[in-house]
Amino acid sequence: MPDNSEANIHIADTLTLLLHNQHAMAAAIEEVTGWLTENGVGNVAANAIAALNTLDTNAKGITDSIMRLRQL
C-alpha cells in the first residue's frame, strides 16, 4: 500500500488533469458564448456566462486542493 505522500501525488496529478479538462471546457464555452452573442441569442449567452463563472469558482477550489496535496 502506498504511503500518504505517494497517494497525495497521484491524487494531485489526477486533479491537475481534471483541472486542465475544466479549462478546456471553459475555453469552448467562451467560443460558443461569443458566437451566441454575435448571433442575437443573448439570453443563451448569459446562461453560458453563468456556467463559466461556476467553472472559474470550481477551478479555484481545485487549484487550492492541488496545492495543499503537493505540500503534504
N, C-alpha and C. Protein backbone atom coordinates (compact mmCIF):
# COMPACT_ATOMS: atom_id res chain seq x y z
N MET A 1 0.85 -1.19 0.00
CA MET A 1 0.00 0.00 0.00
C MET A 1 0.89 1.24 0.00
N PRO A 2 0.60 2.22 -0.87
CA PRO A 2 1.45 3.41 -0.92
C PRO A 2 1.30 4.25 0.33
N ASP A 3 2.39 4.96 0.68
CA ASP A 3 2.27 5.85 1.82
C ASP A 3 1.47 7.08 1.40
N ASN A 4 1.14 7.91 2.38
CA ASN A 4 0.28 9.06 2.10
C ASN A 4 0.88 10.01 1.08
N SER A 5 2.19 10.23 1.12
CA SER A 5 2.78 11.19 0.20
C SER A 5 2.66 10.70 -1.24
N GLU A 6 2.84 9.40 -1.47
CA GLU A 6 2.69 8.86 -2.82
C GLU A 6 1.23 8.95 -3.28
N ALA A 7 0.33 8.65 -2.39
CA ALA A 7 -1.10 8.75 -2.71
C ALA A 7 -1.47 10.20 -3.01
N ASN A 8 -0.94 11.13 -2.23
CA ASN A 8 -1.23 12.54 -2.45
C ASN A 8 -0.73 13.00 -3.81
N ILE A 9 0.42 12.51 -4.22
CA ILE A 9 0.96 12.86 -5.53
C ILE A 9 0.02 12.38 -6.63
N HIS A 10 -0.44 11.14 -6.51
CA HIS A 10 -1.34 10.59 -7.52
C HIS A 10 -2.67 11.36 -7.54
N ILE A 11 -3.18 11.70 -6.39
CA ILE A 11 -4.43 12.46 -6.32
C ILE A 11 -4.23 13.84 -6.93
N ALA A 12 -3.12 14.49 -6.59
CA ALA A 12 -2.85 15.82 -7.14
C ALA A 12 -2.69 15.76 -8.65
N ASP A 13 -2.00 14.73 -9.15
CA ASP A 13 -1.84 14.58 -10.60
C ASP A 13 -3.18 14.39 -11.29
N THR A 14 -4.05 13.60 -10.69
CA THR A 14 -5.38 13.37 -11.26
C THR A 14 -6.21 14.65 -11.24
N LEU A 15 -6.17 15.36 -10.14
CA LEU A 15 -6.89 16.64 -10.06
C LEU A 15 -6.35 17.64 -11.07
N THR A 16 -5.04 17.62 -11.32
CA THR A 16 -4.45 18.51 -12.31
C THR A 16 -5.01 18.22 -13.69
N LEU A 17 -5.13 16.94 -14.03
CA LEU A 17 -5.71 16.58 -15.33
C LEU A 17 -7.16 17.04 -15.42
N LEU A 18 -7.92 16.86 -14.35
CA LEU A 18 -9.30 17.32 -14.35
C LEU A 18 -9.37 18.84 -14.49
N LEU A 19 -8.45 19.54 -13.86
CA LEU A 19 -8.41 20.99 -13.96
C LEU A 19 -8.11 21.42 -15.40
N HIS A 20 -7.19 20.71 -16.07
CA HIS A 20 -6.90 21.01 -17.47
C HIS A 20 -8.15 20.80 -18.33
N ASN A 21 -8.89 19.73 -18.05
CA ASN A 21 -10.14 19.49 -18.77
C ASN A 21 -11.13 20.62 -18.52
N GLN A 22 -11.18 21.08 -17.29
CA GLN A 22 -12.10 22.16 -16.95
C GLN A 22 -11.74 23.44 -17.71
N HIS A 23 -10.45 23.72 -17.81
CA HIS A 23 -10.01 24.90 -18.57
C HIS A 23 -10.38 24.77 -20.04
N ALA A 24 -10.25 23.56 -20.58
CA ALA A 24 -10.60 23.33 -21.99
C ALA A 24 -12.10 23.53 -22.21
N MET A 25 -12.91 23.04 -21.29
CA MET A 25 -14.35 23.23 -21.40
C MET A 25 -14.71 24.72 -21.31
N ALA A 26 -14.04 25.43 -20.43
CA ALA A 26 -14.30 26.87 -20.30
C ALA A 26 -13.96 27.59 -21.59
N ALA A 27 -12.85 27.22 -22.21
CA ALA A 27 -12.47 27.85 -23.48
C ALA A 27 -13.52 27.58 -24.56
N ALA A 28 -14.01 26.36 -24.60
CA ALA A 28 -15.04 26.02 -25.59
C ALA A 28 -16.32 26.81 -25.33
N ILE A 29 -16.72 26.91 -24.08
CA ILE A 29 -17.93 27.67 -23.73
C ILE A 29 -17.75 29.14 -24.09
N GLU A 30 -16.54 29.68 -23.88
CA GLU A 30 -16.28 31.07 -24.25
C GLU A 30 -16.46 31.28 -25.76
N GLU A 31 -15.97 30.33 -26.55
CA GLU A 31 -16.13 30.43 -28.00
C GLU A 31 -17.61 30.42 -28.39
N VAL A 32 -18.35 29.49 -27.82
CA VAL A 32 -19.78 29.38 -28.13
C VAL A 32 -20.52 30.63 -27.65
N THR A 33 -20.15 31.14 -26.50
CA THR A 33 -20.79 32.34 -25.96
C THR A 33 -20.59 33.52 -26.91
N GLY A 34 -19.37 33.66 -27.43
CA GLY A 34 -19.12 34.74 -28.39
C GLY A 34 -20.00 34.60 -29.62
N TRP A 35 -20.12 33.39 -30.13
CA TRP A 35 -20.95 33.16 -31.31
C TRP A 35 -22.42 33.47 -31.01
N LEU A 36 -22.88 33.02 -29.84
CA LEU A 36 -24.27 33.28 -29.46
C LEU A 36 -24.55 34.78 -29.36
N THR A 37 -23.63 35.50 -28.76
CA THR A 37 -23.80 36.94 -28.60
C THR A 37 -23.84 37.62 -29.96
N GLU A 38 -22.93 37.23 -30.85
CA GLU A 38 -22.88 37.82 -32.19
C GLU A 38 -24.13 37.51 -33.02
N ASN A 39 -24.79 36.43 -32.71
CA ASN A 39 -25.94 36.00 -33.49
C ASN A 39 -27.28 36.26 -32.79
N GLY A 40 -27.27 37.16 -31.84
CA GLY A 40 -28.50 37.63 -31.24
C GLY A 40 -29.19 36.67 -30.29
N VAL A 41 -28.45 35.78 -29.70
CA VAL A 41 -29.05 34.85 -28.73
C VAL A 41 -28.48 35.18 -27.35
N GLY A 42 -28.71 36.41 -26.95
CA GLY A 42 -28.12 36.92 -25.72
C GLY A 42 -28.53 36.19 -24.47
N ASN A 43 -29.79 35.73 -24.40
CA ASN A 43 -30.23 35.04 -23.18
C ASN A 43 -29.50 33.71 -23.01
N VAL A 44 -29.23 33.01 -24.11
CA VAL A 44 -28.48 31.77 -24.02
C VAL A 44 -27.03 32.08 -23.67
N ALA A 45 -26.50 33.15 -24.24
CA ALA A 45 -25.13 33.56 -23.92
C ALA A 45 -25.00 33.88 -22.44
N ALA A 46 -26.01 34.50 -21.87
CA ALA A 46 -25.98 34.83 -20.44
C ALA A 46 -25.92 33.55 -19.60
N ASN A 47 -26.65 32.52 -20.01
CA ASN A 47 -26.59 31.25 -19.29
C ASN A 47 -25.20 30.63 -19.40
N ALA A 48 -24.59 30.76 -20.58
CA ALA A 48 -23.25 30.22 -20.77
C ALA A 48 -22.24 30.96 -19.89
N ILE A 49 -22.43 32.26 -19.76
CA ILE A 49 -21.54 33.05 -18.89
C ILE A 49 -21.69 32.61 -17.44
N ALA A 50 -22.91 32.30 -17.02
CA ALA A 50 -23.12 31.80 -15.66
C ALA A 50 -22.39 30.48 -15.46
N ALA A 51 -22.41 29.62 -16.48
CA ALA A 51 -21.67 28.36 -16.40
C ALA A 51 -20.17 28.61 -16.29
N LEU A 52 -19.67 29.60 -17.03
CA LEU A 52 -18.25 29.94 -16.95
C LEU A 52 -17.87 30.41 -15.55
N ASN A 53 -18.76 31.19 -14.93
CA ASN A 53 -18.48 31.65 -13.56
C ASN A 53 -18.38 30.47 -12.60
N THR A 54 -19.23 29.47 -12.78
CA THR A 54 -19.16 28.28 -11.94
C THR A 54 -17.85 27.53 -12.18
N LEU A 55 -17.47 27.39 -13.44
CA LEU A 55 -16.20 26.73 -13.76
C LEU A 55 -15.02 27.47 -13.12
N ASP A 56 -15.04 28.80 -13.18
CA ASP A 56 -13.96 29.59 -12.57
C ASP A 56 -13.90 29.39 -11.06
N THR A 57 -15.05 29.41 -10.43
CA THR A 57 -15.10 29.21 -8.97
C THR A 57 -14.56 27.83 -8.60
N ASN A 58 -15.02 26.82 -9.32
CA ASN A 58 -14.58 25.46 -9.02
C ASN A 58 -13.11 25.25 -9.35
N ALA A 59 -12.62 25.91 -10.39
CA ALA A 59 -11.20 25.79 -10.74
C ALA A 59 -10.33 26.32 -9.61
N LYS A 60 -10.78 27.39 -8.99
CA LYS A 60 -10.03 27.94 -7.84
C LYS A 60 -9.97 26.93 -6.71
N GLY A 61 -11.08 26.29 -6.40
CA GLY A 61 -11.11 25.28 -5.34
C GLY A 61 -10.24 24.08 -5.67
N ILE A 62 -10.28 23.64 -6.92
CA ILE A 62 -9.45 22.50 -7.33
C ILE A 62 -7.98 22.88 -7.23
N THR A 63 -7.63 24.07 -7.69
CA THR A 63 -6.24 24.52 -7.63
C THR A 63 -5.76 24.57 -6.19
N ASP A 64 -6.58 25.10 -5.29
CA ASP A 64 -6.21 25.15 -3.87
C ASP A 64 -5.98 23.75 -3.31
N SER A 65 -6.84 22.80 -3.68
CA SER A 65 -6.69 21.43 -3.20
C SER A 65 -5.41 20.80 -3.74
N ILE A 66 -5.12 21.04 -5.00
CA ILE A 66 -3.89 20.50 -5.59
C ILE A 66 -2.67 21.03 -4.83
N MET A 67 -2.68 22.32 -4.56
CA MET A 67 -1.53 22.92 -3.86
C MET A 67 -1.38 22.35 -2.45
N ARG A 68 -2.49 22.15 -1.75
CA ARG A 68 -2.42 21.56 -0.40
C ARG A 68 -1.88 20.13 -0.47
N LEU A 69 -2.34 19.35 -1.42
CA LEU A 69 -1.86 17.97 -1.55
C LEU A 69 -0.37 17.93 -1.87
N ARG A 70 0.09 18.82 -2.72
CA ARG A 70 1.50 18.81 -3.10
C ARG A 70 2.41 19.28 -1.97
N GLN A 71 1.84 19.99 -0.99
CA GLN A 71 2.64 20.45 0.15
C GLN A 71 2.74 19.41 1.25
N LEU A 72 1.89 18.38 1.21
CA LEU A 72 1.90 17.38 2.28
C LEU A 72 3.08 16.44 2.13
